[in-house]
Structures are given as structure tokens and as C-alpha cells.
Amino acid sequence: MARHTQSRRDRPQTGEVNDIITVARDNRRHEPRLEALREREVLYRSVFDSAAQPVALATADGTQLIRVNQSFCTLLGYSKSEMRELSIDDITHPADRYNGASLAARAANSDSKQFDYVKRYIRKDGGTVQVRVSVVQVCEADGQPHYLICHIQQLLPNPVTEDDAP
């Protein structure tokens, strides 16, 4: 049984306690909603964390990482704790650094609030990896940007076919 109880002492101007007022609320009616919320959170975390595709949540201005999954960490060679210390510019090839504000503006000006672009990331070992980033802007109920969801797909060099062979 979930109950919430509050008590306070009633002290008139004399400073003496005349009454103790207690209010008790039975919160059991909220338990099914709280359990459903916990289940959705577990589902969200498992989908995000176990996704084979690299995924990142970024600030609405496109400059900082909020959360990354293990696939993104593996792609760049960093641990999750290391990734939390890095800005998006820190892991972006210098020639591909877009102004975070321009990315956020691009999402805001898009009818669908989503767009794709190609860029290179710098791995922890100094190597580069070319990727396609699919960005979706998530907005608050009032329409204000809240954060960006970034799905990252590694672009591999085109394989050599028999027609391409010398």
C-alpha cells in the first residue's frame, strides 16, 4: 500500500502546540501508471542500448552529446564515460565541422524536422570513419526544440567489382 502522509504542528502566536494536523493520501491508484511508465523506460533503454546501429541523442543546438549507445562508442573507439566528456566538434573531422546552430536551424526549417548529411568522425585512435547521419528533431509540446536523435550509418568504400579491376 502506497501512502503519503504529511504532518504539521499548529502553533498559534503563543508558540504552544495546540493541534497536530495530519493529511494522508492513498496513492495506490497511481501504481498501475507508474508500473507502465517503468516498463516503457526499460523498453526504451533496451531498444536504445542494444541497437546494432549507432545512435546518439544530442542537445537541440546540435553541439553536445546527451547520450550514446554502445554501437556508437564501438564505432569511434571510446567508452560511454569518455563520450560524455566530448562535444560533437571534438569527434568531427575539422573539414566537416558544421556549426551546431546551423544543424539545429536546418531541422527547424525542415517540414518533417528531419534530414540526412554525410560527415567524417575522428576515432579515438586518430583514424577517420565516414558516416551518414540521419537527424530527427524532437520538440516539446509547445513546438520548441528539445533534442536531436541521430542515427549513424557507417559508409564503406565501394567494393571493387570485376568491371573495375585493371
Protein backbone atom coordinates (compact mmCIF):
# COMPACT_ATOMS: atom_id res chain seq x y z
CA MET A 1 0.00 0.00 0.00
CA ALA A 2 1.47 3.34 -1.07
CA ARG A 3 0.56 6.20 1.18
CA HIS A 4 1.83 9.69 1.55
CA THR A 5 1.48 11.37 4.93
CA GLN A 6 2.20 14.95 5.91
CA SER A 7 2.03 16.36 9.41
CA ARG A 8 2.47 19.80 10.84
CA ARG A 9 2.07 21.35 14.23
CA ASP A 10 -0.33 24.19 14.68
CA ARG A 11 1.42 26.82 16.82
CA PRO A 12 -0.64 29.89 17.46
CA GLN A 13 1.10 33.11 18.46
CA THR A 14 1.87 31.71 21.92
CA GLY A 15 4.26 29.14 20.44
CA GLU A 16 2.50 26.25 22.16
CA VAL A 17 1.31 23.26 20.16
CA ASN A 18 -2.47 23.19 20.22
CA ASP A 19 -3.16 20.68 17.45
CA ILE A 20 -1.31 18.36 15.13
CA ILE A 21 -2.75 18.27 11.63
CA THR A 22 -2.13 15.11 9.60
CA VAL A 23 -3.13 14.53 5.98
CA ALA A 24 -2.87 11.04 4.48
CA ARG A 25 -3.23 10.26 0.79
CA ASP A 26 -3.72 6.82 -0.67
CA ASN A 27 -1.60 6.71 -3.84
CA ARG A 28 -2.45 3.15 -4.85
CA ARG A 29 -4.48 4.38 -7.81
CA HIS A 30 -1.24 5.70 -9.36
CA GLU A 31 0.60 2.36 -9.11
CA PRO A 32 -0.58 0.94 -12.48
CA ARG A 33 0.51 4.13 -14.27
CA LEU A 34 3.86 4.15 -12.50
CA GLU A 35 4.43 0.48 -13.37
CA ALA A 36 3.53 1.16 -17.02
CA LEU A 37 5.97 4.08 -17.02
CA ARG A 38 8.72 1.87 -15.57
CA GLU A 39 8.05 -0.77 -18.23
CA ARG A 40 8.25 1.82 -21.04
CA GLU A 41 11.52 3.14 -19.61
CA VAL A 42 13.01 -0.38 -19.53
CA LEU A 43 11.83 -0.97 -23.12
CA TYR A 44 13.27 2.36 -24.30
CA ARG A 45 16.61 1.69 -22.64
CA SER A 46 16.88 -1.82 -24.05
CA VAL A 47 15.98 -0.68 -27.60
CA PHE A 48 18.42 2.25 -27.44
CA ASP A 49 21.29 0.44 -25.73
CA SER A 50 21.09 -2.82 -27.69
CA ALA A 51 20.61 -1.30 -31.16
CA ALA A 52 23.15 -2.58 -33.67
CA GLN A 53 23.12 0.82 -35.37
CA PRO A 54 24.98 3.67 -33.67
CA VAL A 55 22.53 6.12 -32.08
CA ALA A 56 23.10 9.37 -30.21
CA LEU A 57 20.91 11.95 -28.52
CA ALA A 58 22.25 15.48 -28.90
CA THR A 59 21.26 18.84 -27.48
CA ALA A 60 18.75 20.83 -29.51
CA ASP A 61 21.53 23.18 -30.66
CA GLY A 62 23.50 20.23 -32.07
CA THR A 63 26.68 20.87 -30.09
CA GLN A 64 26.72 18.32 -27.23
CA LEU A 65 26.02 14.63 -26.85
CA ILE A 66 23.40 13.78 -24.25
CA ARG A 67 23.50 10.01 -24.58
CA VAL A 68 25.09 7.46 -26.91
CA ASN A 69 24.65 3.73 -27.32
CA GLN A 70 27.41 1.11 -27.24
CA SER A 71 27.42 0.75 -31.04
CA PHE A 72 28.38 4.42 -31.39
CA CYS A 73 31.12 4.01 -28.79
CA THR A 74 32.45 0.95 -30.62
CA LEU A 75 32.43 2.80 -33.96
CA LEU A 76 34.62 5.57 -32.53
CA GLY A 77 36.64 3.53 -30.02
CA TYR A 78 35.57 5.45 -26.91
CA SER A 79 33.87 4.32 -23.71
CA LYS A 80 30.50 5.83 -22.79
CA SER A 81 32.10 7.84 -19.98
CA GLU A 82 34.70 9.24 -22.42
CA MET A 83 31.97 10.14 -24.91
CA ARG A 84 30.12 12.14 -22.24
CA GLU A 85 33.16 14.42 -21.94
CA LEU A 86 33.34 15.18 -25.68
CA SER A 87 31.46 17.73 -27.76
CA ILE A 88 30.25 16.87 -31.23
CA ASP A 89 33.02 19.05 -32.69
CA ASP A 90 35.58 17.04 -30.68
CA ILE A 91 34.71 13.89 -32.62
CA THR A 92 34.06 15.53 -36.01
CA HIS A 93 36.75 15.84 -38.69
CA PRO A 94 37.83 19.52 -38.87
CA ALA A 95 36.84 19.80 -42.54
CA ASP A 96 33.34 18.54 -41.71
CA ARG A 97 32.56 20.65 -38.67
CA TYR A 98 29.21 22.23 -39.24
CA ASN A 99 28.05 24.96 -36.95
CA GLY A 100 25.74 23.23 -34.45
CA ALA A 101 23.33 26.14 -34.69
CA SER A 102 23.08 25.65 -38.46
CA LEU A 103 22.19 21.98 -37.95
CA ALA A 104 19.50 22.92 -35.44
CA ALA A 105 18.23 25.61 -37.83
CA ARG A 106 18.19 23.08 -40.66
CA ALA A 107 16.00 20.78 -38.58
CA ALA A 108 13.76 23.67 -37.50
CA ASN A 109 13.28 24.80 -41.11
CA SER A 110 12.52 21.31 -42.37
CA ASP A 111 8.81 20.47 -42.65
CA SER A 112 9.47 16.95 -41.41
CA LYS A 113 12.00 18.02 -38.72
CA GLN A 114 14.47 15.51 -40.13
CA PHE A 115 17.39 15.50 -42.55
CA ASP A 116 20.46 13.47 -43.52
CA TYR A 117 24.04 14.53 -44.11
CA VAL A 118 27.42 12.88 -44.64
CA LYS A 119 30.42 13.64 -42.46
CA ARG A 120 33.58 12.10 -41.04
CA TYR A 121 34.17 11.32 -37.40
CA ILE A 122 37.58 11.10 -35.79
CA ARG A 123 38.12 7.84 -33.94
CA LYS A 124 39.97 7.71 -30.63
CA ASP A 125 42.94 6.09 -32.42
CA GLY A 126 43.12 9.10 -34.78
CA GLY A 127 41.60 7.35 -37.79
CA THR A 128 38.54 8.67 -39.57
CA VAL A 129 35.26 7.00 -40.41
CA GLN A 130 32.78 8.34 -42.95
CA VAL A 131 29.12 8.17 -41.93
CA ARG A 132 25.64 9.21 -42.94
CA VAL A 133 23.84 10.89 -40.05
CA SER A 134 20.04 10.88 -40.07
CA VAL A 135 18.80 13.56 -37.69
CA VAL A 136 15.31 13.90 -36.24
CA GLN A 137 14.43 16.93 -34.14
CA VAL A 138 12.19 16.17 -31.14
CA CYS A 139 10.11 19.11 -29.94
CA GLU A 140 8.32 19.93 -26.71
CA ALA A 141 4.52 20.19 -26.67
CA ASP A 142 4.86 23.94 -27.34
CA GLY A 143 6.90 23.28 -30.50
CA GLN A 144 10.25 24.32 -29.04
CA PRO A 145 13.20 22.05 -29.96
CA HIS A 146 14.06 19.64 -27.14
CA TYR A 147 16.82 17.39 -28.52
CA LEU A 148 18.09 15.68 -31.68
CA ILE A 149 18.04 11.94 -32.33
CA CYS A 150 20.96 10.96 -34.57
CA HIS A 151 21.08 7.57 -36.32
CA ILE A 152 24.57 6.95 -37.68
CA GLN A 153 25.39 4.60 -40.55
CA GLN A 154 29.00 3.87 -41.44
CA LEU A 155 29.69 4.35 -45.15
CA LEU A 156 32.09 1.80 -46.52
CA PRO A 157 34.15 2.33 -49.65
CA ASN A 158 32.51 0.85 -52.74
CA PRO A 159 33.77 -2.69 -53.29
CA VAL A 160 35.87 -3.31 -56.37
CA THR A 161 33.92 -5.27 -58.99
CA GLU A 162 35.29 -7.28 -61.92
CA ASP A 163 34.46 -4.36 -64.22
CA ASP A 164 36.61 -2.05 -62.07
CA ALA A 165 39.61 -4.37 -61.95
CA PRO A 166 42.63 -3.36 -64.07
